[in-house]
Amino acid sequence: MKKVLTALLLTSAASALPMGVSMAQDAAQLAPIANYVKSDIQPWLNDPAIIDALKAQDAANANLSAGDIDALDKKWRAEVDGSDHSMINGVLGNALSKFLEEKKTASGGKITEIFVMDAKGLNVGQSDVTSDYWQGDEAKFQKSFGAGKDAIFVDEIEKDESTQTLQSQASVTISDDKGTPIGAITVGVNVDAL
């Protein structure tokens, strides 16, 4: 009976993993990333630069409709490929983005990118330009902010073709001083540098 139960638990857990990834391989590869997030990222997630920016944007965006969010995302995507970068420059030039850029630089190559999302999944600040403005429809937001307080989601490791390094994105729910989730952060981690 014990062997059957163990096999069922392993089968259930394995079905939650990406196709082609074994549980042992997945856990062995993702554990150092989760440990890095806990030891080096989480300690600064309650910094006023992050909390104040999230609270301000959550208040400003509280009444946005799905159509409003879609329009903002389309504008951002057009700016990524176009010559007008006013929306992108506004985000990249804010105090939170400068804070995140400093954290990326201080990581000594362990961090490849950082971006913070509000309660709707919209970018608040970022170290580098993202391809889209709304992350709310992606696992990085849904499995961090969507999972509630203290959630950490480490995505599978992929090879970055431009840098030829192994990278993963780790996402963490950010909560206020009362423990209420107010946003999330995604950190690109250079696995080769850990």
Protein backbone atom coordinates (compact mmCIF):
# COMPACT_ATOMS: atom_id res chain seq x y z
CA MET A 1 0.00 0.00 0.00
CA LYS A 2 2.80 2.39 0.90
CA LYS A 3 4.53 1.80 -2.48
CA VAL A 4 1.27 2.45 -4.34
CA LEU A 5 0.63 5.66 -2.41
CA THR A 6 4.20 6.86 -3.01
CA ALA A 7 3.89 6.12 -6.73
CA LEU A 8 0.61 8.05 -6.90
CA LEU A 9 2.12 11.05 -5.12
CA LEU A 10 5.15 11.04 -7.44
CA THR A 11 2.92 10.70 -10.50
CA SER A 12 0.71 13.57 -9.32
CA ALA A 13 3.70 15.78 -8.60
CA ALA A 14 5.37 14.89 -11.90
CA SER A 15 2.24 15.83 -13.84
CA ALA A 16 2.55 19.37 -12.53
CA LEU A 17 6.03 19.75 -14.05
CA PRO A 18 6.75 20.96 -17.58
CA MET A 19 6.79 18.15 -20.14
CA GLY A 20 10.13 16.38 -20.40
CA VAL A 21 11.38 17.48 -16.98
CA SER A 22 11.78 14.87 -14.29
CA MET A 23 10.96 15.74 -10.69
CA ALA A 24 14.47 15.06 -9.40
CA GLN A 25 16.08 17.02 -12.24
CA ASP A 26 13.63 19.89 -11.82
CA ALA A 27 14.09 20.13 -8.05
CA ALA A 28 17.87 19.89 -8.31
CA GLN A 29 18.04 22.65 -10.93
CA LEU A 30 15.47 25.02 -9.43
CA ALA A 31 16.47 24.76 -5.74
CA PRO A 32 19.57 27.00 -6.05
CA ILE A 33 17.44 29.66 -7.75
CA ALA A 34 14.78 29.55 -5.02
CA ASN A 35 17.53 29.69 -2.37
CA TYR A 36 19.11 32.70 -4.07
CA VAL A 37 15.74 34.48 -4.15
CA LYS A 38 15.16 33.79 -0.45
CA SER A 39 18.65 34.88 0.64
CA ASP A 40 19.41 37.73 -1.76
CA ILE A 41 16.13 39.10 -3.16
CA GLN A 42 13.47 38.81 -0.46
CA PRO A 43 15.42 40.88 2.11
CA TRP A 44 14.94 44.05 0.04
CA LEU A 45 11.37 43.50 -1.16
CA ASN A 46 9.95 45.62 1.67
CA ASP A 47 12.13 48.62 0.74
CA PRO A 48 10.08 51.84 0.58
CA ALA A 49 11.19 52.33 -3.04
CA ILE A 50 9.19 49.23 -3.96
CA ILE A 51 6.30 49.46 -1.49
CA ASP A 52 5.58 53.16 -2.09
CA ALA A 53 5.69 52.77 -5.88
CA LEU A 54 3.35 49.77 -5.74
CA LYS A 55 0.87 51.50 -3.44
CA ALA A 56 0.82 54.59 -5.66
CA GLN A 57 0.29 52.63 -8.88
CA ASP A 58 -2.29 50.29 -7.31
CA ALA A 59 -4.29 53.36 -6.28
CA ALA A 60 -3.88 55.01 -9.70
CA ASN A 61 -4.88 51.84 -11.57
CA ALA A 62 -7.65 50.66 -9.25
CA ASN A 63 -10.44 51.46 -11.73
CA LEU A 64 -8.78 50.30 -14.96
CA SER A 65 -10.98 48.05 -17.07
CA ALA A 66 -9.75 45.08 -19.10
CA GLY A 67 -10.04 47.31 -22.18
CA ASP A 68 -7.89 50.00 -20.54
CA ILE A 69 -5.23 47.42 -19.66
CA ASP A 70 -5.28 46.05 -23.20
CA ALA A 71 -4.87 49.56 -24.64
CA LEU A 72 -1.91 50.29 -22.37
CA ASP A 73 -0.28 46.98 -23.31
CA LYS A 74 -0.79 47.68 -27.04
CA LYS A 75 0.74 51.15 -26.65
CA TRP A 76 3.78 49.68 -24.87
CA ARG A 77 4.26 46.96 -27.51
CA ALA A 78 4.05 49.57 -30.28
CA GLU A 79 6.71 51.64 -28.52
CA VAL A 80 9.03 48.63 -28.21
CA ASP A 81 9.08 48.34 -32.01
CA GLY A 82 8.59 52.03 -32.83
CA SER A 83 10.40 55.33 -32.53
CA ASP A 84 8.18 56.90 -29.84
CA HIS A 85 9.26 55.57 -26.42
CA SER A 86 7.47 58.06 -24.16
CA MET A 87 5.60 55.43 -22.11
CA ILE A 88 8.64 53.14 -21.85
CA ASN A 89 10.94 56.05 -20.95
CA GLY A 90 8.48 57.15 -18.27
CA VAL A 91 8.72 53.77 -16.57
CA LEU A 92 12.48 53.29 -17.11
CA GLY A 93 13.12 56.79 -15.77
CA ASN A 94 11.18 56.45 -12.52
CA ALA A 95 12.77 56.04 -9.07
CA LEU A 96 11.78 52.38 -8.76
CA SER A 97 13.44 51.49 -12.07
CA LYS A 98 16.65 53.19 -10.94
CA PHE A 99 16.50 51.21 -7.67
CA LEU A 100 16.03 47.95 -9.60
CA GLU A 101 18.85 48.79 -11.98
CA GLU A 102 21.14 49.32 -8.96
CA LYS A 103 20.11 45.91 -7.54
CA LYS A 104 20.82 44.25 -10.89
CA THR A 105 24.27 45.87 -11.10
CA ALA A 106 25.08 44.97 -7.48
CA SER A 107 24.30 41.30 -8.17
CA GLY A 108 27.57 40.87 -10.05
CA GLY A 109 25.93 39.21 -13.06
CA LYS A 110 23.58 36.91 -11.13
CA ILE A 111 20.55 39.00 -12.11
CA THR A 112 19.78 39.54 -15.80
CA GLU A 113 16.61 41.61 -15.39
CA ILE A 114 14.13 42.74 -12.74
CA PHE A 115 10.63 44.10 -13.05
CA VAL A 116 7.91 44.90 -10.52
CA MET A 117 4.20 44.50 -11.34
CA ASP A 118 1.22 46.10 -9.64
CA ALA A 119 -1.90 44.27 -8.43
CA LYS A 120 -3.23 44.17 -12.01
CA GLY A 121 -0.01 42.78 -13.47
CA LEU A 122 1.13 46.06 -15.05
CA ASN A 123 4.80 47.11 -14.95
CA VAL A 124 5.66 49.60 -12.22
CA GLY A 125 9.43 49.64 -12.56
CA GLN A 126 12.06 47.62 -14.38
CA SER A 127 15.79 47.36 -14.94
CA ASP A 128 15.40 46.63 -18.67
CA VAL A 129 12.67 47.05 -21.27
CA THR A 130 10.15 44.20 -21.28
CA SER A 131 8.40 43.14 -24.48
CA ASP A 132 4.99 43.88 -22.96
CA TYR A 133 3.52 46.09 -20.26
CA TRP A 134 0.91 43.69 -18.87
CA GLN A 135 2.16 40.49 -17.24
CA GLY A 136 -1.21 39.59 -15.67
CA ASP A 137 -1.91 36.83 -18.19
CA GLU A 138 1.42 35.08 -17.61
CA ALA A 139 2.50 32.38 -15.14
CA LYS A 140 5.08 34.71 -13.57
CA PHE A 141 2.23 36.87 -12.23
CA GLN A 142 -0.48 34.28 -11.78
CA LYS A 143 1.74 31.88 -9.80
CA SER A 144 3.18 34.60 -7.58
CA PHE A 145 0.64 37.37 -6.93
CA GLY A 146 -2.23 35.04 -7.87
CA ALA A 147 -1.04 32.48 -5.31
CA GLY A 148 -1.10 35.01 -2.46
CA LYS A 149 1.23 36.12 0.31
CA ASP A 150 4.77 34.67 0.42
CA ALA A 151 4.41 32.85 -2.92
CA ILE A 152 7.57 32.13 -4.91
CA PHE A 153 7.39 30.75 -8.43
CA VAL A 154 10.58 29.63 -10.18
CA ASP A 155 10.08 29.03 -13.88
CA GLU A 156 11.97 26.41 -15.86
CA ILE A 157 15.55 27.04 -16.91
CA GLU A 158 16.10 28.08 -20.51
CA LYS A 159 19.15 28.96 -22.58
CA ASP A 160 19.30 32.62 -23.55
CA GLU A 161 20.35 32.58 -27.19
CA SER A 162 21.90 36.05 -27.13
CA THR A 163 24.11 35.43 -24.07
CA GLN A 164 24.39 31.61 -24.28
CA THR A 165 23.73 31.41 -20.53
CA LEU A 166 21.19 29.36 -18.62
CA GLN A 167 18.50 31.56 -17.11
CA SER A 168 15.30 31.26 -15.12
CA GLN A 169 12.73 33.78 -13.99
CA ALA A 170 11.80 33.73 -10.33
CA SER A 171 8.66 35.62 -9.27
CA VAL A 172 7.66 36.58 -5.73
CA THR A 173 4.52 38.14 -4.27
CA ILE A 174 5.14 41.50 -2.59
CA SER A 175 2.96 42.35 0.41
CA ASP A 176 2.46 45.49 2.46
CA ASP A 177 3.17 45.75 6.20
CA LYS A 178 -0.24 44.17 6.96
CA GLY A 179 0.58 41.13 4.81
CA THR A 180 -1.79 42.09 1.98
CA PRO A 181 -0.41 41.27 -1.48
CA ILE A 182 0.07 44.50 -3.46
CA GLY A 183 2.15 43.31 -6.41
CA ALA A 184 4.90 40.97 -7.53
CA ILE A 185 8.48 41.01 -8.72
CA THR A 186 10.13 38.91 -11.41
CA VAL A 187 13.89 38.46 -11.36
CA GLY A 188 15.81 36.90 -14.22
CA VAL A 189 18.54 34.74 -12.68
CA ASN A 190 21.70 33.73 -14.52
CA VAL A 191 21.97 30.11 -13.36
CA ASP A 192 25.58 29.90 -14.56
CA ALA A 193 26.54 32.69 -12.12
CA LEU A 194 25.08 31.04 -8.99
